[in-house]
Full PDB file with SEQRES, HELIX, SHEET, SSBOND, CRYST1, ORIGX, SCALE, CONECT and MASTER records, all heavy atoms in Angstrom:
SEQRES   1 A   42  HIS VAL LEU ILE THR ALA ALA GLU GLU THR LEU LYS GLU          
SEQRES   2 A   42  VAL LEU LYS ALA ILE ARG PRO GLU VAL THR VAL GLU GLU          
SEQRES   3 A   42  LEU SER THR ILE ILE GLU GLU VAL VAL SER SER PHE ASP          
SEQRES   4 A   42  VAL ASN PRO                                                  
HELIX    1 AA1 VAL A    2  ALA A   17  1                                  16    
HELIX    2 AA2 VAL A   24  SER A   36  1                                  13    
CRYST1    1.000    1.000    1.000  90.00  90.00  90.00 P 1           1          
ORIGX1      1.000000  0.000000  0.000000        0.00000                         
ORIGX2      0.000000  1.000000  0.000000        0.00000                         
ORIGX3      0.000000  0.000000  1.000000        0.00000                         
SCALE1      1.000000  0.000000  0.000000        0.00000                         
SCALE2      0.000000  1.000000  0.000000        0.00000                         
SCALE3      0.000000  0.000000  1.000000        0.00000                         
ATOM      1  N   HIS A   1      94.397  98.178 111.446  1.00  0.00           N  
ATOM      2  CA  HIS A   1      94.243  99.631 111.578  1.00  0.00           C  
ATOM      3  C   HIS A   1      95.173 100.273 110.573  1.00  0.00           C  
ATOM      4  O   HIS A   1      96.359  99.909 110.460  1.00  0.00           O  
ATOM      5  CB  HIS A   1      94.597 100.043 113.002  1.00  0.00           C  
ATOM      6  CG  HIS A   1      94.203 101.448 113.341  1.00  0.00           C  
ATOM      7  ND1 HIS A   1      94.800 102.559 112.791  1.00  0.00           N  
ATOM      8  CD2 HIS A   1      93.225 101.924 114.182  1.00  0.00           C  
ATOM      9  CE1 HIS A   1      94.250 103.657 113.276  1.00  0.00           C  
ATOM     10  NE2 HIS A   1      93.273 103.312 114.108  1.00  0.00           N  
ATOM     11  N   VAL A   2      94.697 101.272 109.846  1.00  0.00           N  
ATOM     12  CA  VAL A   2      95.487 101.880 108.775  1.00  0.00           C  
ATOM     13  C   VAL A   2      96.809 102.443 109.296  1.00  0.00           C  
ATOM     14  O   VAL A   2      97.845 102.359 108.596  1.00  0.00           O  
ATOM     15  CB  VAL A   2      94.683 102.934 108.016  1.00  0.00           C  
ATOM     16  CG1 VAL A   2      94.326 104.129 108.917  1.00  0.00           C  
ATOM     17  CG2 VAL A   2      95.437 103.398 106.754  1.00  0.00           C  
ATOM     18  N   LEU A   3      96.798 103.021 110.480  1.00  0.00           N  
ATOM     19  CA  LEU A   3      98.043 103.603 111.006  1.00  0.00           C  
ATOM     20  C   LEU A   3      99.084 102.528 111.266  1.00  0.00           C  
ATOM     21  O   LEU A   3     100.282 102.732 111.037  1.00  0.00           O  
ATOM     22  CB  LEU A   3      97.761 104.412 112.267  1.00  0.00           C  
ATOM     23  CG  LEU A   3      96.958 105.716 112.071  1.00  0.00           C  
ATOM     24  CD1 LEU A   3      96.705 106.354 113.430  1.00  0.00           C  
ATOM     25  CD2 LEU A   3      97.727 106.683 111.162  1.00  0.00           C  
ATOM     26  N   ILE A   4      98.641 101.401 111.811  1.00  0.00           N  
ATOM     27  CA  ILE A   4      99.569 100.320 112.078  1.00  0.00           C  
ATOM     28  C   ILE A   4     100.127  99.740 110.761  1.00  0.00           C  
ATOM     29  O   ILE A   4     101.328  99.510 110.594  1.00  0.00           O  
ATOM     30  CB  ILE A   4      98.888  99.202 112.908  1.00  0.00           C  
ATOM     31  CG1 ILE A   4      98.483  99.776 114.275  1.00  0.00           C  
ATOM     32  CG2 ILE A   4      99.816  98.023 113.085  1.00  0.00           C  
ATOM     33  CD1 ILE A   4      97.655  98.803 115.129  1.00  0.00           C  
ATOM     34  N   THR A   5      99.238  99.514 109.815  1.00  0.00           N  
ATOM     35  CA  THR A   5      99.678  99.012 108.505  1.00  0.00           C  
ATOM     36  C   THR A   5     100.676  99.958 107.868  1.00  0.00           C  
ATOM     37  O   THR A   5     101.709  99.528 107.338  1.00  0.00           O  
ATOM     38  CB  THR A   5      98.460  98.816 107.575  1.00  0.00           C  
ATOM     39  OG1 THR A   5      97.529  97.912 108.200  1.00  0.00           O  
ATOM     40  CG2 THR A   5      98.909  98.217 106.245  1.00  0.00           C  
ATOM     41  N   ALA A   6     100.366 101.253 107.898  1.00  0.00           N  
ATOM     42  CA  ALA A   6     101.264 102.257 107.287  1.00  0.00           C  
ATOM     43  C   ALA A   6     102.626 102.226 107.953  1.00  0.00           C  
ATOM     44  O   ALA A   6     103.670 102.271 107.273  1.00  0.00           O  
ATOM     45  CB  ALA A   6     100.647 103.642 107.386  1.00  0.00           C  
ATOM     46  N   ALA A   7     102.676 102.154 109.285  1.00  0.00           N  
ATOM     47  CA  ALA A   7     103.958 102.154 109.987  1.00  0.00           C  
ATOM     48  C   ALA A   7     104.740 100.881 109.680  1.00  0.00           C  
ATOM     49  O   ALA A   7     105.949 100.931 109.406  1.00  0.00           O  
ATOM     50  CB  ALA A   7     103.710 102.264 111.503  1.00  0.00           C  
ATOM     51  N   GLU A   8     104.080  99.744 109.685  1.00  0.00           N  
ATOM     52  CA  GLU A   8     104.777  98.484 109.471  1.00  0.00           C  
ATOM     53  C   GLU A   8     105.281  98.363 108.043  1.00  0.00           C  
ATOM     54  O   GLU A   8     106.406  97.902 107.799  1.00  0.00           O  
ATOM     55  CB  GLU A   8     103.848  97.305 109.824  1.00  0.00           C  
ATOM     56  CG  GLU A   8     103.551  97.204 111.294  1.00  0.00           C  
ATOM     57  CD  GLU A   8     102.564  96.089 111.654  1.00  0.00           C  
ATOM     58  OE1 GLU A   8     101.896  95.567 110.744  1.00  0.00           O  
ATOM     59  OE2 GLU A   8     102.437  95.787 112.860  1.00  0.00           O  
ATOM     60  N   GLU A   9     104.449  98.760 107.065  1.00  0.00           N  
ATOM     61  CA  GLU A   9     104.858  98.645 105.664  1.00  0.00           C  
ATOM     62  C   GLU A   9     105.994  99.646 105.345  1.00  0.00           C  
ATOM     63  O   GLU A   9     106.917  99.306 104.595  1.00  0.00           O  
ATOM     64  CB  GLU A   9     103.683  98.882 104.731  1.00  0.00           C  
ATOM     65  CG  GLU A   9     102.629  97.793 104.777  1.00  0.00           C  
ATOM     66  CD  GLU A   9     103.211  96.424 104.396  1.00  0.00           C  
ATOM     67  OE1 GLU A   9     103.955  96.355 103.389  1.00  0.00           O  
ATOM     68  OE2 GLU A   9     102.950  95.434 105.132  1.00  0.00           O  
ATOM     69  N   THR A  10     105.941 100.811 105.947  1.00  0.00           N  
ATOM     70  CA  THR A  10     107.015 101.776 105.726  1.00  0.00           C  
ATOM     71  C   THR A  10     108.311 101.271 106.312  1.00  0.00           C  
ATOM     72  O   THR A  10     109.386 101.383 105.685  1.00  0.00           O  
ATOM     73  CB  THR A  10     106.657 103.131 106.366  1.00  0.00           C  
ATOM     74  OG1 THR A  10     105.414 103.614 105.806  1.00  0.00           O  
ATOM     75  CG2 THR A  10     107.733 104.169 106.108  1.00  0.00           C  
ATOM     76  N   LEU A  11     108.248 100.693 107.510  1.00  0.00           N  
ATOM     77  CA  LEU A  11     109.446 100.158 108.121  1.00  0.00           C  
ATOM     78  C   LEU A  11     110.063  99.064 107.262  1.00  0.00           C  
ATOM     79  O   LEU A  11     111.282  99.026 107.068  1.00  0.00           O  
ATOM     80  CB  LEU A  11     109.105  99.615 109.509  1.00  0.00           C  
ATOM     81  CG  LEU A  11     110.265  98.987 110.315  1.00  0.00           C  
ATOM     82  CD1 LEU A  11     111.394  99.990 110.503  1.00  0.00           C  
ATOM     83  CD2 LEU A  11     109.771  98.447 111.650  1.00  0.00           C  
ATOM     84  N   LYS A  12     109.226  98.178 106.692  1.00  0.00           N  
ATOM     85  CA  LYS A  12     109.760  97.141 105.807  1.00  0.00           C  
ATOM     86  C   LYS A  12     110.525  97.712 104.644  1.00  0.00           C  
ATOM     87  O   LYS A  12     111.607  97.261 104.273  1.00  0.00           O  
ATOM     88  CB  LYS A  12     108.607  96.278 105.293  1.00  0.00           C  
ATOM     89  CG  LYS A  12     107.979  95.348 106.292  1.00  0.00           C  
ATOM     90  CD  LYS A  12     106.819  94.579 105.675  1.00  0.00           C  
ATOM     91  CE  LYS A  12     106.086  93.741 106.688  1.00  0.00           C  
ATOM     92  NZ  LYS A  12     104.907  93.048 106.080  1.00  0.00           N  
ATOM     93  N   GLU A  13     109.976  98.776 104.037  1.00  0.00           N  
ATOM     94  CA  GLU A  13     110.630  99.379 102.879  1.00  0.00           C  
ATOM     95  C   GLU A  13     111.934 100.072 103.265  1.00  0.00           C  
ATOM     96  O   GLU A  13     112.929  99.996 102.500  1.00  0.00           O  
ATOM     97  CB  GLU A  13     109.676 100.377 102.187  1.00  0.00           C  
ATOM     98  CG  GLU A  13     108.443  99.713 101.559  1.00  0.00           C  
ATOM     99  CD  GLU A  13     108.823  98.632 100.542  1.00  0.00           C  
ATOM    100  OE1 GLU A  13     109.692  98.907  99.711  1.00  0.00           O  
ATOM    101  OE2 GLU A  13     108.243  97.533 100.631  1.00  0.00           O  
ATOM    102  N   VAL A  14     111.932 100.726 104.381  1.00  0.00           N  
ATOM    103  CA  VAL A  14     113.178 101.383 104.814  1.00  0.00           C  
ATOM    104  C   VAL A  14     114.265 100.359 105.145  1.00  0.00           C  
ATOM    105  O   VAL A  14     115.434 100.526 104.773  1.00  0.00           O  
ATOM    106  CB  VAL A  14     112.903 102.293 106.062  1.00  0.00           C  
ATOM    107  CG1 VAL A  14     114.203 102.872 106.592  1.00  0.00           C  
ATOM    108  CG2 VAL A  14     111.966 103.396 105.706  1.00  0.00           C  
ATOM    109  N   LEU A  15     113.899  99.311 105.837  1.00  0.00           N  
ATOM    110  CA  LEU A  15     114.866  98.254 106.164  1.00  0.00           C  
ATOM    111  C   LEU A  15     115.495  97.629 104.891  1.00  0.00           C  
ATOM    112  O   LEU A  15     116.665  97.299 104.863  1.00  0.00           O  
ATOM    113  CB  LEU A  15     114.247  97.167 107.020  1.00  0.00           C  
ATOM    114  CG  LEU A  15     113.853  97.606 108.450  1.00  0.00           C  
ATOM    115  CD1 LEU A  15     113.086  96.482 109.161  1.00  0.00           C  
ATOM    116  CD2 LEU A  15     115.108  97.992 109.277  1.00  0.00           C  
ATOM    117  N   LYS A  16     114.688  97.497 103.842  1.00  0.00           N  
ATOM    118  CA  LYS A  16     115.216  96.980 102.564  1.00  0.00           C  
ATOM    119  C   LYS A  16     116.288  97.892 101.980  1.00  0.00           C  
ATOM    120  O   LYS A  16     117.200  97.445 101.302  1.00  0.00           O  
ATOM    121  CB  LYS A  16     114.073  96.821 101.550  1.00  0.00           C  
ATOM    122  CG  LYS A  16     113.117  95.699 101.815  1.00  0.00           C  
ATOM    123  CD  LYS A  16     112.026  95.716 100.756  1.00  0.00           C  
ATOM    124  CE  LYS A  16     110.912  94.744 101.048  1.00  0.00           C  
ATOM    125  NZ  LYS A  16     109.793  94.839 100.042  1.00  0.00           N  
ATOM    126  N   ALA A  17     116.156  99.181 102.253  1.00  0.00           N  
ATOM    127  CA  ALA A  17     117.042 100.186 101.632  1.00  0.00           C  
ATOM    128  C   ALA A  17     118.315 100.436 102.479  1.00  0.00           C  
ATOM    129  O   ALA A  17     119.229 101.093 101.961  1.00  0.00           O  
ATOM    130  CB  ALA A  17     116.282 101.475 101.410  1.00  0.00           C  
ATOM    131  N   ILE A  18     118.333  99.998 103.712  1.00  0.00           N  
ATOM    132  CA  ILE A  18     119.484 100.298 104.560  1.00  0.00           C  
ATOM    133  C   ILE A  18     120.714  99.480 104.142  1.00  0.00           C  
ATOM    134  O   ILE A  18     120.634  98.266 104.020  1.00  0.00           O  
ATOM    135  CB  ILE A  18     119.134 100.072 106.043  1.00  0.00           C  
ATOM    136  CG1 ILE A  18     118.171 101.154 106.526  1.00  0.00           C  
ATOM    137  CG2 ILE A  18     120.396 100.038 106.920  1.00  0.00           C  
ATOM    138  CD1 ILE A  18     117.728 101.010 107.978  1.00  0.00           C  
ATOM    139  N   ARG A  19     121.811 100.178 103.929  1.00  0.00           N  
ATOM    140  CA  ARG A  19     123.055  99.568 103.529  1.00  0.00           C  
ATOM    141  C   ARG A  19     124.174 100.607 103.820  1.00  0.00           C  
ATOM    142  O   ARG A  19     123.880 101.790 104.014  1.00  0.00           O  
ATOM    143  CB  ARG A  19     123.060  99.240 102.030  1.00  0.00           C  
ATOM    144  CG  ARG A  19     122.938 100.474 101.165  1.00  0.00           C  
ATOM    145  CD  ARG A  19     122.723 100.140  99.687  1.00  0.00           C  
ATOM    146  NE  ARG A  19     122.717 101.350  98.878  1.00  0.00           N  
ATOM    147  CZ  ARG A  19     121.686 102.190  98.753  1.00  0.00           C  
ATOM    148  NH1 ARG A  19     120.561 101.941  99.378  1.00  0.00           N  
ATOM    149  NH2 ARG A  19     121.805 103.253  97.990  1.00  0.00           N  
ATOM    150  N   PRO A  20     125.427 100.176 103.865  1.00  0.00           N  
ATOM    151  CA  PRO A  20     126.500 101.153 104.041  1.00  0.00           C  
ATOM    152  C   PRO A  20     126.483 102.229 102.964  1.00  0.00           C  
ATOM    153  O   PRO A  20     126.264 101.897 101.768  1.00  0.00           O  
ATOM    154  CB  PRO A  20     127.758 100.293 103.975  1.00  0.00           C  
ATOM    155  CG  PRO A  20     127.333  98.929 104.389  1.00  0.00           C  
ATOM    156  CD  PRO A  20     125.935  98.782 103.844  1.00  0.00           C  
ATOM    157  N   GLU A  21     126.674 103.459 103.354  1.00  0.00           N  
ATOM    158  CA  GLU A  21     126.767 104.627 102.467  1.00  0.00           C  
ATOM    159  C   GLU A  21     125.411 105.169 101.994  1.00  0.00           C  
ATOM    160  O   GLU A  21     125.371 106.159 101.250  1.00  0.00           O  
ATOM    161  CB  GLU A  21     127.654 104.355 101.263  1.00  0.00           C  
ATOM    162  CG  GLU A  21     129.101 103.957 101.627  1.00  0.00           C  
ATOM    163  CD  GLU A  21     129.786 105.015 102.468  1.00  0.00           C  
ATOM    164  OE1 GLU A  21     129.915 106.152 102.033  1.00  0.00           O  
ATOM    165  OE2 GLU A  21     130.205 104.649 103.611  1.00  0.00           O  
ATOM    166  N   VAL A  22     124.289 104.549 102.340  1.00  0.00           N  
ATOM    167  CA  VAL A  22     122.997 105.122 102.000  1.00  0.00           C  
ATOM    168  C   VAL A  22     122.868 106.441 102.808  1.00  0.00           C  
ATOM    169  O   VAL A  22     123.435 106.581 103.890  1.00  0.00           O  
ATOM    170  CB  VAL A  22     121.825 104.174 102.357  1.00  0.00           C  
ATOM    171  CG1 VAL A  22     121.671 103.989 103.860  1.00  0.00           C  
ATOM    172  CG2 VAL A  22     120.525 104.655 101.745  1.00  0.00           C  
ATOM    173  N   THR A  23     122.185 107.417 102.242  1.00  0.00           N  
ATOM    174  CA  THR A  23     122.105 108.731 102.912  1.00  0.00           C  
ATOM    175  C   THR A  23     120.812 108.855 103.738  1.00  0.00           C  
ATOM    176  O   THR A  23     119.811 108.192 103.465  1.00  0.00           O  
ATOM    177  CB  THR A  23     122.158 109.867 101.890  1.00  0.00           C  
ATOM    178  OG1 THR A  23     120.976 109.840 101.093  1.00  0.00           O  
ATOM    179  CG2 THR A  23     123.414 109.773 101.039  1.00  0.00           C  
ATOM    180  N   VAL A  24     120.893 109.761 104.684  1.00  0.00           N  
ATOM    181  CA  VAL A  24     119.692 110.081 105.467  1.00  0.00           C  
ATOM    182  C   VAL A  24     118.590 110.593 104.547  1.00  0.00           C  
ATOM    183  O   VAL A  24     117.398 110.258 104.733  1.00  0.00           O  
ATOM    184  CB  VAL A  24     120.024 111.122 106.544  1.00  0.00           C  
ATOM    185  CG1 VAL A  24     118.772 111.654 107.218  1.00  0.00           C  
ATOM    186  CG2 VAL A  24     120.978 110.534 107.593  1.00  0.00           C  
ATOM    187  N   GLU A  25     118.932 111.389 103.551  1.00  0.00           N  
ATOM    188  CA  GLU A  25     117.923 111.899 102.608  1.00  0.00           C  
ATOM    189  C   GLU A  25     117.197 110.748 101.903  1.00  0.00           C  
ATOM    190  O   GLU A  25     115.970 110.788 101.781  1.00  0.00           O  
ATOM    191  CB  GLU A  25     118.592 112.808 101.580  1.00  0.00           C  
ATOM    192  CG  GLU A  25     117.557 113.402 100.582  1.00  0.00           C  
ATOM    193  CD  GLU A  25     118.183 114.349  99.611  1.00  0.00           C  
ATOM    194  OE1 GLU A  25     119.353 114.164  99.221  1.00  0.00           O  
ATOM    195  OE2 GLU A  25     117.498 115.313  99.225  1.00  0.00           O  
ATOM    196  N   GLU A  26     117.951 109.747 101.445  1.00  0.00           N  
ATOM    197  CA  GLU A  26     117.311 108.639 100.752  1.00  0.00           C  
ATOM    198  C   GLU A  26     116.323 107.921 101.656  1.00  0.00           C  
ATOM    199  O   GLU A  26     115.193 107.591 101.223  1.00  0.00           O  
ATOM    200  CB  GLU A  26     118.395 107.672 100.260  1.00  0.00           C  
ATOM    201  CG  GLU A  26     119.241 108.182  99.128  1.00  0.00           C  
ATOM    202  CD  GLU A  26     120.371 107.213  98.766  1.00  0.00           C  
ATOM    203  OE1 GLU A  26     121.416 107.246  99.453  1.00  0.00           O  
ATOM    204  OE2 GLU A  26     120.176 106.438  97.817  1.00  0.00           O  
ATOM    205  N   LEU A  27     116.724 107.630 102.896  1.00  0.00           N  
ATOM    206  CA  LEU A  27     115.838 106.911 103.792  1.00  0.00           C  
ATOM    207  C   LEU A  27     114.634 107.747 104.202  1.00  0.00           C  
ATOM    208  O   LEU A  27     113.502 107.229 104.269  1.00  0.00           O  
ATOM    209  CB  LEU A  27     116.604 106.443 105.024  1.00  0.00           C  
ATOM    210  CG  LEU A  27     117.747 105.470 104.750  1.00  0.00           C  
ATOM    211  CD1 LEU A  27     118.468 105.086 106.050  1.00  0.00           C  
ATOM    212  CD2 LEU A  27     117.283 104.197 104.031  1.00  0.00           C  
ATOM    213  N   SER A  28     114.849 109.005 104.513  1.00  0.00           N  
ATOM    214  CA  SER A  28     113.760 109.864 104.928  1.00  0.00           C  
ATOM    215  C   SER A  28     112.744 110.075 103.770  1.00  0.00           C  
ATOM    216  O   SER A  28     111.540 110.223 104.011  1.00  0.00           O  
ATOM    217  CB  SER A  28     114.257 111.225 105.439  1.00  0.00           C  
ATOM    218  OG  SER A  28     114.900 111.956 104.412  1.00  0.00           O  
ATOM    219  N   THR A  29     113.234 110.042 102.543  1.00  0.00           N  
ATOM    220  CA  THR A  29     112.343 110.171 101.383  1.00  0.00           C  
ATOM    221  C   THR A  29     111.441 108.955 101.270  1.00  0.00           C  
ATOM    222  O   THR A  29     110.228 109.071 100.967  1.00  0.00           O  
ATOM    223  CB  THR A  29     113.151 110.357 100.080  1.00  0.00           C  
ATOM    224  OG1 THR A  29     113.932 111.553 100.188  1.00  0.00           O  
ATOM    225  CG2 THR A  29     112.280 110.448  98.857  1.00  0.00           C  
ATOM    226  N   ILE A  30     112.024 107.747 101.511  1.00  0.00           N  
ATOM    227  CA  ILE A  30     111.190 106.547 101.479  1.00  0.00           C  
ATOM    228  C   ILE A  30     110.086 106.639 102.542  1.00  0.00           C  
ATOM    229  O   ILE A  30     108.922 106.295 102.257  1.00  0.00           O  
ATOM    230  CB  ILE A  30     112.083 105.280 101.735  1.00  0.00           C  
ATOM    231  CG1 ILE A  30     113.019 105.068 100.532  1.00  0.00           C  
ATOM    232  CG2 ILE A  30     111.209 104.060 101.952  1.00  0.00           C  
ATOM    233  CD1 ILE A  30     114.092 104.016 100.783  1.00  0.00           C  
ATOM    234  N   ILE A  31     110.446 107.085 103.732  1.00  0.00           N  
ATOM    235  CA  ILE A  31     109.461 107.192 104.812  1.00  0.00           C  
ATOM    236  C   ILE A  31     108.334 108.123 104.379  1.00  0.00           C  
ATOM    237  O   ILE A  31     107.144 107.799 104.496  1.00  0.00           O  
ATOM    238  CB  ILE A  31     110.138 107.721 106.097  1.00  0.00           C  
ATOM    239  CG1 ILE A  31     111.123 106.672 106.627  1.00  0.00           C  
ATOM    240  CG2 ILE A  31     109.064 108.014 107.168  1.00  0.00           C  
ATOM    241  CD1 ILE A  31     112.006 107.174 107.729  1.00  0.00           C  
ATOM    242  N   GLU A  32     108.707 109.290 103.860  1.00  0.00           N  
ATOM    243  CA  GLU A  32     107.689 110.270 103.411  1.00  0.00           C  
ATOM    244  C   GLU A  32     106.750 109.677 102.382  1.00  0.00           C  
ATOM    245  O   GLU A  32     105.521 109.805 102.488  1.00  0.00           O  
ATOM    246  CB  GLU A  32     108.431 111.478 102.810  1.00  0.00           C  
ATOM    247  CG  GLU A  32     107.514 112.525 102.200  1.00  0.00           C  
ATOM    248  CD  GLU A  32     107.203 113.662 103.137  1.00  0.00           C  
ATOM    249  OE1 GLU A  32     108.012 113.942 104.026  1.00  0.00           O  
ATOM    250  OE2 GLU A  32     106.145 114.267 102.966  1.00  0.00           O  
ATOM    251  N   GLU A  33     107.333 109.021 101.389  1.00  0.00           N  
ATOM    252  CA  GLU A  33     106.517 108.538 100.254  1.00  0.00           C  
ATOM    253  C   GLU A  33     105.616 107.381 100.655  1.00  0.00           C  
ATOM    254  O   GLU A  33     104.454 107.343 100.263  1.00  0.00           O  
ATOM    255  CB  GLU A  33     107.425 108.165  99.107  1.00  0.00           C  
ATOM    256  CG  GLU A  33     108.123 109.357  98.470  1.00  0.00           C  
ATOM    257  CD  GLU A  33     109.104 108.994  97.349  1.00  0.00           C  
ATOM    258  OE1 GLU A  33     109.392 107.770  97.211  1.00  0.00           O  
ATOM    259  OE2 GLU A  33     109.585 109.899  96.662  1.00  0.00           O  
ATOM    260  N   VAL A  34     106.177 106.429 101.424  1.00  0.00           N  
ATOM    261  CA  VAL A  34     105.360 105.248 101.780  1.00  0.00           C  
ATOM    262  C   VAL A  34     104.237 105.595 102.751  1.00  0.00           C  
ATOM    263  O   VAL A  34     103.081 105.207 102.577  1.00  0.00           O  
ATOM    264  CB  VAL A  34     106.234 104.088 102.294  1.00  0.00           C  
ATOM    265  CG1 VAL A  34     105.335 102.874 102.638  1.00  0.00           C  
ATOM    266  CG2 VAL A  34     107.272 103.701 101.243  1.00  0.00           C  
ATOM    267  N   VAL A  35     104.576 106.372 103.786  1.00  0.00           N  
ATOM    268  CA  VAL A  35     103.544 106.764 104.737  1.00  0.00           C  
ATOM    269  C   VAL A  35     102.433 107.541 104.033  1.00  0.00           C  
ATOM    270  O   VAL A  35     101.245 107.290 104.218  1.00  0.00           O  
ATOM    271  CB  VAL A  35     104.140 107.596 105.893  1.00  0.00           C  
ATOM    272  CG1 VAL A  35     103.009 108.182 106.749  1.00  0.00           C  
ATOM    273  CG2 VAL A  35     105.076 106.769 106.760  1.00  0.00           C  
ATOM    274  N   SER A  36     102.816 108.497 103.180  1.00  0.00           N  
ATOM    275  CA  SER A  36     101.832 109.308 102.490  1.00  0.00           C  
ATOM    276  C   SER A  36     100.948 108.499 101.553  1.00  0.00           C  
ATOM    277  O   SER A  36      99.773 108.892 101.304  1.00  0.00           O  
ATOM    278  CB  SER A  36     102.539 110.424 101.688  1.00  0.00           C  
ATOM    279  OG  SER A  36     103.278 111.253 102.572  1.00  0.00           O  
ATOM    280  N   SER A  37     101.450 107.380 101.065  1.00  0.00           N  
ATOM    281  CA  SER A  37     100.623 106.537 100.168  1.00  0.00           C  
ATOM    282  C   SER A  37      99.420 105.936 100.881  1.00  0.00           C  
ATOM    283  O   SER A  37      98.496 105.468 100.210  1.00  0.00           O  
ATOM    284  CB  SER A  37     101.505 105.431  99.555  1.00  0.00           C  
ATOM    285  OG  SER A  37     101.818 104.427 100.521  1.00  0.00           O  
ATOM    286  N   PHE A  38      99.421 105.937 102.189  1.00  0.00           N  
ATOM    287  CA  PHE A  38      98.290 105.438 102.981  1.00  0.00           C  
ATOM    288  C   PHE A  38      97.338 106.575 103.378  1.00  0.00           C  
ATOM    289  O   PHE A  38      96.427 106.351 104.156  1.00  0.00           O  
ATOM    290  CB  PHE A  38      98.792 104.698 104.221  1.00  0.00           C  
ATOM    291  CG  PHE A  38      99.410 103.360 103.930  1.00  0.00           C  
ATOM    292  CD1 PHE A  38     100.758 103.271 103.647  1.00  0.00           C  
ATOM    293  CD2 PHE A  38      98.667 102.200 103.942  1.00  0.00           C  
ATOM    294  CE1 PHE A  38     101.355 102.027 103.391  1.00  0.00           C  
ATOM    295  CE2 PHE A  38      99.241 100.986 103.694  1.00  0.00           C  
ATOM    296  CZ  PHE A  38     100.596 100.890 103.394  1.00  0.00           C  
ATOM    297  N   ASP A  39      97.601 107.784 102.886  1.00  0.00           N  
ATOM    298  CA  ASP A  39      96.795 108.960 103.222  1.00  0.00           C  
ATOM    299  C   ASP A  39      96.819 109.271 104.709  1.00  0.00           C  
ATOM    300  O   ASP A  39      95.808 109.694 105.282  1.00  0.00           O  
ATOM    301  CB  ASP A  39      95.358 108.805 102.718  1.00  0.00           C  
ATOM    302  CG  ASP A  39      95.278 108.827 101.206  1.00  0.00           C  
ATOM    303  OD1 ASP A  39      96.025 109.582 100.576  1.00  0.00           O  
ATOM    304  OD2 ASP A  39      94.440 108.082 100.660  1.00  0.00           O  
ATOM    305  N   VAL A  40      97.953 109.028 105.337  1.00  0.00           N  
ATOM    306  CA  VAL A  40      98.163 109.423 106.707  1.00  0.00           C  
ATOM    307  C   VAL A  40      99.499 110.196 106.746  1.00  0.00           C  
ATOM    308  O   VAL A  40     100.197 110.309 105.745  1.00  0.00           O  
ATOM    309  CB  VAL A  40      98.189 108.218 107.676  1.00  0.00           C  
ATOM    310  CG1 VAL A  40      96.846 107.491 107.613  1.00  0.00           C  
ATOM    311  CG2 VAL A  40      99.345 107.250 107.364  1.00  0.00           C  
ATOM    312  N   ASN A  41      99.859 110.692 107.914  1.00  0.00           N  
ATOM    313  CA  ASN A  41     101.056 111.533 108.037  1.00  0.00           C  
ATOM    314  C   ASN A  41     102.132 110.871 108.897  1.00  0.00           C  
ATOM    315  O   ASN A  41     101.823 110.198 109.876  1.00  0.00           O  
ATOM    316  CB  ASN A  41     100.723 112.879 108.677  1.00  0.00           C  
ATOM    317  CG  ASN A  41      99.861 113.741 107.777  1.00  0.00           C  
ATOM    318  OD1 ASN A  41     100.107 113.803 106.581  1.00  0.00           O  
ATOM    319  ND2 ASN A  41      98.861 114.401 108.343  1.00  0.00           N  
ATOM    320  N   PRO A  42     103.410 111.065 108.544  1.00  0.00           N  
ATOM    321  CA  PRO A  42     104.489 110.735 109.492  1.00  0.00           C  
ATOM    322  C   PRO A  42     104.566 111.800 110.581  1.00  0.00           C  
ATOM    323  O   PRO A  42     104.080 112.902 110.369  1.00  0.00           O  
ATOM    324  CB  PRO A  42     105.729 110.757 108.596  1.00  0.00           C  
ATOM    325  CG  PRO A  42     105.421 111.798 107.563  1.00  0.00           C  
ATOM    326  CD  PRO A  42     103.934 111.700 107.305  1.00  0.00           C  
TER     327      PRO A  42                                                      
MASTER        0    0    0    2    0    0    0    6  326    1    0    4          
END                                                                             
């Protein structure tokens, strides 16, 4: 299901980016961009 794929793939990308001192803006931007690439909405 496209919604499940979009959620799972976005989560993978966010988890890759999580590290000490990363900002909320950086992580929220990844979520926006990856979810939108599936033509669905967060």
